[in-house]
Amino acid sequence: MSEHTLYIEMNPSPDVLERVLRVTRHRGFTVRNMNMAYAGNQSQMAVTVSSERPIDQLTRQLDKLFDVTDCRIETACESAPAAAANA
């Protein structure tokens, strides 16, 4: 399963976080870690997600959201299969 950290900048509207999380869930990603901060007239969020699905599908959808101004991938790593970990 792939794990990726996305950095998202957005306008600080009351419902933008809900829309980001809804799109993330609908695209088949699981949120593993999330950190959000308000900086001036922008909200910044770092969210780590995991899935078997391609991450570019999620980033394209998040970029299209109203109030999201930037969405970029910072890191990507592969987690080892459970069978290999137990060997």
PDB file of N, CA and C in Angstrom:
ATOM      1  N   MET A   1       0.850  -1.173   0.000  1.00  0.00           N
ATOM      2  CA  MET A   1       0.000   0.000   0.000  1.00  0.00           C
ATOM      3  C   MET A   1       0.897   1.239   0.000  1.00  0.00           C
ATOM      4  N   SER A   2       0.594   2.197  -0.841  1.00  0.00           N
ATOM      5  CA  SER A   2       1.384   3.420  -0.940  1.00  0.00           C
ATOM      6  C   SER A   2       0.912   4.447   0.079  1.00  0.00           C
ATOM      7  N   GLU A   3       1.865   5.185   0.609  1.00  0.00           N
ATOM      8  CA  GLU A   3       1.568   6.261   1.551  1.00  0.00           C
ATOM      9  C   GLU A   3       2.186   7.540   1.017  1.00  0.00           C
ATOM     10  N   HIS A   4       1.413   8.617   1.024  1.00  0.00           N
ATOM     11  CA  HIS A   4       1.843   9.897   0.469  1.00  0.00           C
ATOM     12  C   HIS A   4       1.466  11.016   1.427  1.00  0.00           C
ATOM     13  N   THR A   5       2.287  12.056   1.463  1.00  0.00           N
ATOM     14  CA  THR A   5       1.956  13.249   2.230  1.00  0.00           C
ATOM     15  C   THR A   5       1.642  14.369   1.253  1.00  0.00           C
ATOM     16  N   LEU A   6       0.461  14.936   1.403  1.00  0.00           N
ATOM     17  CA  LEU A   6       0.017  16.050   0.565  1.00  0.00           C
ATOM     18  C   LEU A   6       0.056  17.330   1.373  1.00  0.00           C
ATOM     19  N   TYR A   7       0.504  18.402   0.734  1.00  0.00           N
ATOM     20  CA  TYR A   7       0.464  19.722   1.333  1.00  0.00           C
ATOM     21  C   TYR A   7      -0.556  20.535   0.559  1.00  0.00           C
ATOM     22  N   ILE A   8      -1.570  21.003   1.265  1.00  0.00           N
ATOM     23  CA  ILE A   8      -2.701  21.682   0.634  1.00  0.00           C
ATOM     24  C   ILE A   8      -2.816  23.081   1.218  1.00  0.00           C
ATOM     25  N   GLU A   9      -2.889  24.070   0.342  1.00  0.00           N
ATOM     26  CA  GLU A   9      -3.166  25.448   0.758  1.00  0.00           C
ATOM     27  C   GLU A   9      -4.568  25.788   0.305  1.00  0.00           C
ATOM     28  N   MET A  10      -5.317  26.468   1.181  1.00  0.00           N
ATOM     29  CA  MET A  10      -6.708  26.760   0.875  1.00  0.00           C
ATOM     30  C   MET A  10      -7.151  28.047   1.538  1.00  0.00           C
ATOM     31  N   ASN A  11      -8.217  28.614   0.984  1.00  0.00           N
ATOM     32  CA  ASN A  11      -8.837  29.770   1.609  1.00  0.00           C
ATOM     33  C   ASN A  11      -9.542  29.301   2.876  1.00  0.00           C
ATOM     34  N   PRO A  12      -9.510  30.115   3.911  1.00  0.00           N
ATOM     35  CA  PRO A  12     -10.088  29.675   5.195  1.00  0.00           C
ATOM     36  C   PRO A  12     -11.614  29.785   5.234  1.00  0.00           C
ATOM     37  N   SER A  13     -12.301  28.944   4.492  1.00  0.00           N
ATOM     38  CA  SER A  13     -13.764  28.933   4.545  1.00  0.00           C
ATOM     39  C   SER A  13     -14.215  27.851   5.522  1.00  0.00           C
ATOM     40  N   PRO A  14     -15.403  27.982   6.074  1.00  0.00           N
ATOM     41  CA  PRO A  14     -15.864  27.032   7.093  1.00  0.00           C
ATOM     42  C   PRO A  14     -16.008  25.589   6.613  1.00  0.00           C
ATOM     43  N   ASP A  15     -16.238  25.377   5.319  1.00  0.00           N
ATOM     44  CA  ASP A  15     -16.522  24.023   4.859  1.00  0.00           C
ATOM     45  C   ASP A  15     -15.451  23.410   3.963  1.00  0.00           C
ATOM     46  N   VAL A  16     -14.321  24.070   3.781  1.00  0.00           N
ATOM     47  CA  VAL A  16     -13.299  23.552   2.878  1.00  0.00           C
ATOM     48  C   VAL A  16     -12.674  22.260   3.401  1.00  0.00           C
ATOM     49  N   LEU A  17     -12.454  22.144   4.692  1.00  0.00           N
ATOM     50  CA  LEU A  17     -11.886  20.922   5.267  1.00  0.00           C
ATOM     51  C   LEU A  17     -12.819  19.735   5.019  1.00  0.00           C
ATOM     52  N   GLU A  18     -14.101  19.949   5.194  1.00  0.00           N
ATOM     53  CA  GLU A  18     -15.076  18.884   4.955  1.00  0.00           C
ATOM     54  C   GLU A  18     -15.039  18.418   3.500  1.00  0.00           C
ATOM     55  N   ARG A  19     -14.924  19.348   2.558  1.00  0.00           N
ATOM     56  CA  ARG A  19     -14.862  18.982   1.145  1.00  0.00           C
ATOM     57  C   ARG A  19     -13.587  18.209   0.815  1.00  0.00           C
ATOM     58  N   VAL A  20     -12.452  18.625   1.379  1.00  0.00           N
ATOM     59  CA  VAL A  20     -11.185  17.921   1.149  1.00  0.00           C
ATOM     60  C   VAL A  20     -11.276  16.486   1.662  1.00  0.00           C
ATOM     61  N   LEU A  21     -11.788  16.301   2.859  1.00  0.00           N
ATOM     62  CA  LEU A  21     -11.900  14.955   3.429  1.00  0.00           C
ATOM     63  C   LEU A  21     -12.912  14.094   2.675  1.00  0.00           C
ATOM     64  N   ARG A  22     -13.991  14.692   2.198  1.00  0.00           N
ATOM     65  CA  ARG A  22     -14.992  13.938   1.437  1.00  0.00           C
ATOM     66  C   ARG A  22     -14.404  13.428   0.126  1.00  0.00           C
ATOM     67  N   VAL A  23     -13.682  14.284  -0.596  1.00  0.00           N
ATOM     68  CA  VAL A  23     -13.054  13.863  -1.853  1.00  0.00           C
ATOM     69  C   VAL A  23     -12.020  12.775  -1.579  1.00  0.00           C
ATOM     70  N   THR A  24     -11.256  12.924  -0.514  1.00  0.00           N
ATOM     71  CA  THR A  24     -10.249  11.930  -0.149  1.00  0.00           C
ATOM     72  C   THR A  24     -10.903  10.569   0.086  1.00  0.00           C
ATOM     73  N   ARG A  25     -11.996  10.543   0.806  1.00  0.00           N
ATOM     74  CA  ARG A  25     -12.716   9.293   1.081  1.00  0.00           C
ATOM     75  C   ARG A  25     -13.332   8.716  -0.180  1.00  0.00           C
ATOM     76  N   HIS A  26     -13.958   9.565  -0.997  1.00  0.00           N
ATOM     77  CA  HIS A  26     -14.609   9.091  -2.224  1.00  0.00           C
ATOM     78  C   HIS A  26     -13.607   8.528  -3.221  1.00  0.00           C
ATOM     79  N   ARG A  27     -12.379   8.987  -3.197  1.00  0.00           N
ATOM     80  CA  ARG A  27     -11.340   8.499  -4.111  1.00  0.00           C
ATOM     81  C   ARG A  27     -10.642   7.254  -3.571  1.00  0.00           C
ATOM     82  N   GLY A  28     -11.057   6.760  -2.409  1.00  0.00           N
ATOM     83  CA  GLY A  28     -10.538   5.504  -1.884  1.00  0.00           C
ATOM     84  C   GLY A  28      -9.258   5.625  -1.075  1.00  0.00           C
ATOM     85  N   PHE A  29      -8.990   6.781  -0.499  1.00  0.00           N
ATOM     86  CA  PHE A  29      -7.797   6.989   0.319  1.00  0.00           C
ATOM     87  C   PHE A  29      -8.163   7.032   1.795  1.00  0.00           C
ATOM     88  N   THR A  30      -7.259   6.546   2.626  1.00  0.00           N
ATOM     89  CA  THR A  30      -7.433   6.570   4.075  1.00  0.00           C
ATOM     90  C   THR A  30      -6.497   7.624   4.653  1.00  0.00           C
ATOM     91  N   VAL A  31      -7.027   8.499   5.496  1.00  0.00           N
ATOM     92  CA  VAL A  31      -6.203   9.517   6.150  1.00  0.00           C
ATOM     93  C   VAL A  31      -5.454   8.859   7.304  1.00  0.00           C
ATOM     94  N   ARG A  32      -4.145   8.953   7.294  1.00  0.00           N
ATOM     95  CA  ARG A  32      -3.291   8.381   8.338  1.00  0.00           C
ATOM     96  C   ARG A  32      -2.844   9.425   9.350  1.00  0.00           C
ATOM     97  N   ASN A  33      -2.657  10.660   8.876  1.00  0.00           N
ATOM     98  CA  ASN A  33      -2.207  11.738   9.753  1.00  0.00           C
ATOM     99  C   ASN A  33      -2.642  13.055   9.115  1.00  0.00           C
ATOM    100  N   MET A  34      -2.980  14.043   9.961  1.00  0.00           N
ATOM    101  CA  MET A  34      -3.427  15.325   9.439  1.00  0.00           C
ATOM    102  C   MET A  34      -3.014  16.432  10.390  1.00  0.00           C
ATOM    103  N   ASN A  35      -2.532  17.539   9.826  1.00  0.00           N
ATOM    104  CA  ASN A  35      -2.152  18.708  10.600  1.00  0.00           C
ATOM    105  C   ASN A  35      -2.580  19.935   9.814  1.00  0.00           C
ATOM    106  N   MET A  36      -3.303  20.840  10.466  1.00  0.00           N
ATOM    107  CA  MET A  36      -3.812  22.022   9.775  1.00  0.00           C
ATOM    108  C   MET A  36      -3.494  23.254  10.601  1.00  0.00           C
ATOM    109  N   ALA A  37      -3.099  24.336   9.902  1.00  0.00           N
ATOM    110  CA  ALA A  37      -2.767  25.589  10.579  1.00  0.00           C
ATOM    111  C   ALA A  37      -3.293  26.757   9.762  1.00  0.00           C
ATOM    112  N   TYR A  38      -3.609  27.829  10.440  1.00  0.00           N
ATOM    113  CA  TYR A  38      -4.065  29.051   9.798  1.00  0.00           C
ATOM    114  C   TYR A  38      -2.892  30.015   9.746  1.00  0.00           C
ATOM    115  N   ALA A  39      -2.571  30.521   8.542  1.00  0.00           N
ATOM    116  CA  ALA A  39      -1.445  31.445   8.373  1.00  0.00           C
ATOM    117  C   ALA A  39      -1.900  32.631   7.527  1.00  0.00           C
ATOM    118  N   GLY A  40      -2.198  33.740   8.180  1.00  0.00           N
ATOM    119  CA  GLY A  40      -2.649  34.919   7.444  1.00  0.00           C
ATOM    120  C   GLY A  40      -3.996  34.688   6.800  1.00  0.00           C
ATOM    121  N   ASN A  41      -4.048  34.857   5.471  1.00  0.00           N
ATOM    122  CA  ASN A  41      -5.315  34.673   4.764  1.00  0.00           C
ATOM    123  C   ASN A  41      -5.398  33.304   4.089  1.00  0.00           C
ATOM    124  N   GLN A  42      -4.533  32.365   4.503  1.00  0.00           N
ATOM    125  CA  GLN A  42      -4.520  31.005   3.965  1.00  0.00           C
ATOM    126  C   GLN A  42      -4.526  29.982   5.097  1.00  0.00           C
ATOM    127  N   SER A  43      -5.172  28.864   4.850  1.00  0.00           N
ATOM    128  CA  SER A  43      -5.057  27.705   5.727  1.00  0.00           C
ATOM    129  C   SER A  43      -4.116  26.731   5.040  1.00  0.00           C
ATOM    130  N   GLN A  44      -3.260  26.091   5.825  1.00  0.00           N
ATOM    131  CA  GLN A  44      -2.323  25.121   5.285  1.00  0.00           C
ATOM    132  C   GLN A  44      -2.548  23.794   5.986  1.00  0.00           C
ATOM    133  N   MET A  45      -2.559  22.726   5.188  1.00  0.00           N
ATOM    134  CA  MET A  45      -2.828  21.411   5.742  1.00  0.00           C
ATOM    135  C   MET A  45      -1.819  20.416   5.180  1.00  0.00           C
ATOM    136  N   ALA A  46      -1.273  19.601   6.071  1.00  0.00           N
ATOM    137  CA  ALA A  46      -0.435  18.465   5.673  1.00  0.00           C
ATOM    138  C   ALA A  46      -1.231  17.226   6.038  1.00  0.00           C
ATOM    139  N   VAL A  47      -1.486  16.384   5.056  1.00  0.00           N
ATOM    140  CA  VAL A  47      -2.277  15.185   5.288  1.00  0.00           C
ATOM    141  C   VAL A  47      -1.554  13.990   4.668  1.00  0.00           C
ATOM    142  N   THR A  48      -1.382  12.944   5.468  1.00  0.00           N
ATOM    143  CA  THR A  48      -0.776  11.709   4.981  1.00  0.00           C
ATOM    144  C   THR A  48      -1.900  10.728   4.699  1.00  0.00           C
ATOM    145  N   VAL A  49      -1.911  10.207   3.462  1.00  0.00           N
ATOM    146  CA  VAL A  49      -2.958   9.291   3.032  1.00  0.00           C
ATOM    147  C   VAL A  49      -2.324   8.003   2.527  1.00  0.00           C
ATOM    148  N   SER A  50      -3.111   6.932   2.537  1.00  0.00           N
ATOM    149  CA  SER A  50      -2.626   5.658   1.992  1.00  0.00           C
ATOM    150  C   SER A  50      -3.724   5.022   1.151  1.00  0.00           C
ATOM    151  N   SER A  51      -3.278   4.303   0.104  1.00  0.00           N
ATOM    152  CA  SER A  51      -4.198   3.598  -0.777  1.00  0.00           C
ATOM    153  C   SER A  51      -3.398   2.837  -1.820  1.00  0.00           C
ATOM    154  N   GLU A  52      -4.063   1.912  -2.483  1.00  0.00           N
ATOM    155  CA  GLU A  52      -3.492   1.224  -3.638  1.00  0.00           C
ATOM    156  C   GLU A  52      -3.701   2.054  -4.905  1.00  0.00           C
ATOM    157  N   ARG A  53      -4.543   3.042  -4.844  1.00  0.00           N
ATOM    158  CA  ARG A  53      -4.889   3.847  -6.016  1.00  0.00           C
ATOM    159  C   ARG A  53      -3.808   4.885  -6.312  1.00  0.00           C
ATOM    160  N   PRO A  54      -3.747   5.370  -7.561  1.00  0.00           N
ATOM    161  CA  PRO A  54      -2.751   6.383  -7.938  1.00  0.00           C
ATOM    162  C   PRO A  54      -3.018   7.717  -7.229  1.00  0.00           C
ATOM    163  N   ILE A  55      -1.966   8.300  -6.676  1.00  0.00           N
ATOM    164  CA  ILE A  55      -2.105   9.553  -5.924  1.00  0.00           C
ATOM    165  C   ILE A  55      -2.455  10.727  -6.832  1.00  0.00           C
ATOM    166  N   ASP A  56      -2.048  10.689  -8.098  1.00  0.00           N
ATOM    167  CA  ASP A  56      -2.328  11.813  -8.986  1.00  0.00           C
ATOM    168  C   ASP A  56      -3.818  12.006  -9.220  1.00  0.00           C
ATOM    169  N   GLN A  57      -4.601  10.939  -9.120  1.00  0.00           N
ATOM    170  CA  GLN A  57      -6.055  11.060  -9.247  1.00  0.00           C
ATOM    171  C   GLN A  57      -6.604  11.928  -8.111  1.00  0.00           C
ATOM    172  N   LEU A  58      -6.109  11.706  -6.910  1.00  0.00           N
ATOM    173  CA  LEU A  58      -6.569  12.491  -5.757  1.00  0.00           C
ATOM    174  C   LEU A  58      -6.105  13.936  -5.860  1.00  0.00           C
ATOM    175  N   THR A  59      -4.853  14.158  -6.212  1.00  0.00           N
ATOM    176  CA  THR A  59      -4.348  15.543  -6.270  1.00  0.00           C
ATOM    177  C   THR A  59      -5.074  16.356  -7.342  1.00  0.00           C
ATOM    178  N   ARG A  60      -5.395  15.733  -8.477  1.00  0.00           N
ATOM    179  CA  ARG A  60      -6.147  16.461  -9.519  1.00  0.00           C
ATOM    180  C   ARG A  60      -7.530  16.860  -9.016  1.00  0.00           C
ATOM    181  N   GLN A  61      -8.185  15.963  -8.300  1.00  0.00           N
ATOM    182  CA  GLN A  61      -9.521  16.270  -7.783  1.00  0.00           C
ATOM    183  C   GLN A  61      -9.475  17.346  -6.698  1.00  0.00           C
ATOM    184  N   LEU A  62      -8.464  17.292  -5.839  1.00  0.00           N
ATOM    185  CA  LEU A  62      -8.347  18.304  -4.786  1.00  0.00           C
ATOM    186  C   LEU A  62      -8.044  19.676  -5.372  1.00  0.00           C
ATOM    187  N   ASP A  63      -7.217  19.723  -6.419  1.00  0.00           N
ATOM    188  CA  ASP A  63      -6.908  20.996  -7.072  1.00  0.00           C
ATOM    189  C   ASP A  63      -8.147  21.658  -7.668  1.00  0.00           C
ATOM    190  N   LYS A  64      -9.139  20.866  -8.041  1.00  0.00           N
ATOM    191  CA  LYS A  64     -10.359  21.392  -8.646  1.00  0.00           C
ATOM    192  C   LYS A  64     -11.340  21.965  -7.623  1.00  0.00           C
ATOM    193  N   LEU A  65     -11.133  21.665  -6.355  1.00  0.00           N
ATOM    194  CA  LEU A  65     -12.073  22.110  -5.333  1.00  0.00           C
ATOM    195  C   LEU A  65     -12.054  23.624  -5.177  1.00  0.00           C
ATOM    196  N   PHE A  66     -13.246  24.174  -4.989  1.00  0.00           N
ATOM    197  CA  PHE A  66     -13.379  25.586  -4.683  1.00  0.00           C
ATOM    198  C   PHE A  66     -12.683  25.859  -3.356  1.00  0.00           C
ATOM    199  N   ASP A  67     -11.935  26.899  -3.259  1.00  0.00           N
ATOM    200  CA  ASP A  67     -11.176  27.333  -2.083  1.00  0.00           C
ATOM    201  C   ASP A  67      -9.838  26.633  -1.910  1.00  0.00           C
ATOM    202  N   VAL A  68      -9.517  25.578  -2.673  1.00  0.00           N
ATOM    203  CA  VAL A  68      -8.184  24.983  -2.621  1.00  0.00           C
ATOM    204  C   VAL A  68      -7.322  25.734  -3.632  1.00  0.00           C
ATOM    205  N   THR A  69      -6.221  26.335  -3.153  1.00  0.00           N
ATOM    206  CA  THR A  69      -5.360  27.123  -4.029  1.00  0.00           C
ATOM    207  C   THR A  69      -4.131  26.354  -4.509  1.00  0.00           C
ATOM    208  N   ASP A  70      -3.703  25.321  -3.759  1.00  0.00           N
ATOM    209  CA  ASP A  70      -2.547  24.532  -4.156  1.00  0.00           C
ATOM    210  C   ASP A  70      -2.603  23.172  -3.471  1.00  0.00           C
ATOM    211  N   CYS A  71      -2.205  22.151  -4.200  1.00  0.00           N
ATOM    212  CA  CYS A  71      -2.124  20.794  -3.650  1.00  0.00           C
ATOM    213  C   CYS A  71      -0.905  20.141  -4.267  1.00  0.00           C
ATOM    214  N   ARG A  72       0.061  19.732  -3.424  1.00  0.00           N
ATOM    215  CA  ARG A  72       1.274  19.111  -3.949  1.00  0.00           C
ATOM    216  C   ARG A  72       1.673  17.925  -3.086  1.00  0.00           C
ATOM    217  N   ILE A  73       2.383  16.993  -3.710  1.00  0.00           N
ATOM    218  CA  ILE A  73       2.868  15.794  -3.029  1.00  0.00           C
ATOM    219  C   ILE A  73       4.272  16.085  -2.529  1.00  0.00           C
ATOM    220  N   GLU A  74       4.527  15.806  -1.268  1.00  0.00           N
ATOM    221  CA  GLU A  74       5.859  16.018  -0.709  1.00  0.00           C
ATOM    222  C   GLU A  74       6.664  14.723  -0.690  1.00  0.00           C
ATOM    223  N   THR A  75       6.067  13.645  -0.184  1.00  0.00           N
ATOM    224  CA  THR A  75       6.804  12.394  -0.063  1.00  0.00           C
ATOM    225  C   THR A  75       5.938  11.234  -0.509  1.00  0.00           C
ATOM    226  N   ALA A  76       6.587  10.160  -0.887  1.00  0.00           N
ATOM    227  CA  ALA A  76       5.879   8.920  -1.224  1.00  0.00           C
ATOM    228  C   ALA A  76       6.773   7.757  -0.826  1.00  0.00           C
ATOM    229  N   CYS A  77       6.183   6.759  -0.194  1.00  0.00           N
ATOM    230  CA  CYS A  77       6.950   5.577   0.178  1.00  0.00           C
ATOM    231  C   CYS A  77       6.060   4.357   0.088  1.00  0.00           C
ATOM    232  N   GLU A  78       6.657   3.221  -0.126  1.00  0.00           N
ATOM    233  CA  GLU A  78       5.925   1.950  -0.186  1.00  0.00           C
ATOM    234  C   GLU A  78       6.030   1.268   1.154  1.00  0.00           C
ATOM    235  N   SER A  79       4.923   0.813   1.695  1.00  0.00           N
ATOM    236  CA  SER A  79       4.958   0.036   2.919  1.00  0.00           C
ATOM    237  C   SER A  79       5.101  -1.437   2.553  1.00  0.00           C
ATOM    238  N   ALA A  80       5.858  -2.159   3.344  1.00  0.00           N
ATOM    239  CA  ALA A  80       6.132  -3.567   3.064  1.00  0.00           C
ATOM    240  C   ALA A  80       4.890  -4.413   3.302  1.00  0.00           C
ATOM    241  N   PRO A  81       4.678  -5.444   2.496  1.00  0.00           N
ATOM    242  CA  PRO A  81       3.545  -6.352   2.730  1.00  0.00           C
ATOM    243  C   PRO A  81       3.682  -7.049   4.088  1.00  0.00           C
ATOM    244  N   ALA A  82       2.567  -7.375   4.688  1.00  0.00           N
ATOM    245  CA  ALA A  82       2.574  -7.995   6.026  1.00  0.00           C
ATOM    246  C   ALA A  82       3.320  -9.323   6.012  1.00  0.00           C
ATOM    247  N   ALA A  83       3.208 -10.088   4.940  1.00  0.00           N
ATOM    248  CA  ALA A  83       3.875 -11.395   4.890  1.00  0.00           C
ATOM    249  C   ALA A  83       5.382 -11.237   4.916  1.00  0.00           C
ATOM    250  N   ALA A  84       5.917 -10.228   4.246  1.00  0.00           N
ATOM    251  CA  ALA A  84       7.366 -10.014   4.230  1.00  0.00           C
ATOM    252  C   ALA A  84       7.855  -9.548   5.597  1.00  0.00           C
ATOM    253  N   ALA A  85       7.026  -8.804   6.314  1.00  0.00           N
ATOM    254  CA  ALA A  85       7.415  -8.312   7.630  1.00  0.00           C
ATOM    255  C   ALA A  85       7.507  -9.457   8.637  1.00  0.00           C
ATOM    256  N   ASN A  86       6.685 -10.488   8.435  1.00  0.00           N
ATOM    257  CA  ASN A  86       6.677 -11.608   9.376  1.00  0.00           C
ATOM    258  C   ASN A  86       7.724 -12.677   9.051  1.00  0.00           C
ATOM    259  N   ALA A  87       8.383 -12.574   7.916  1.00  0.00           N
ATOM    260  CA  ALA A  87       9.354 -13.588   7.496  1.00  0.00           C
ATOM    261  C   ALA A  87      10.664 -13.476   8.251  1.00  0.00           C
TER     262      ALA A  87
END
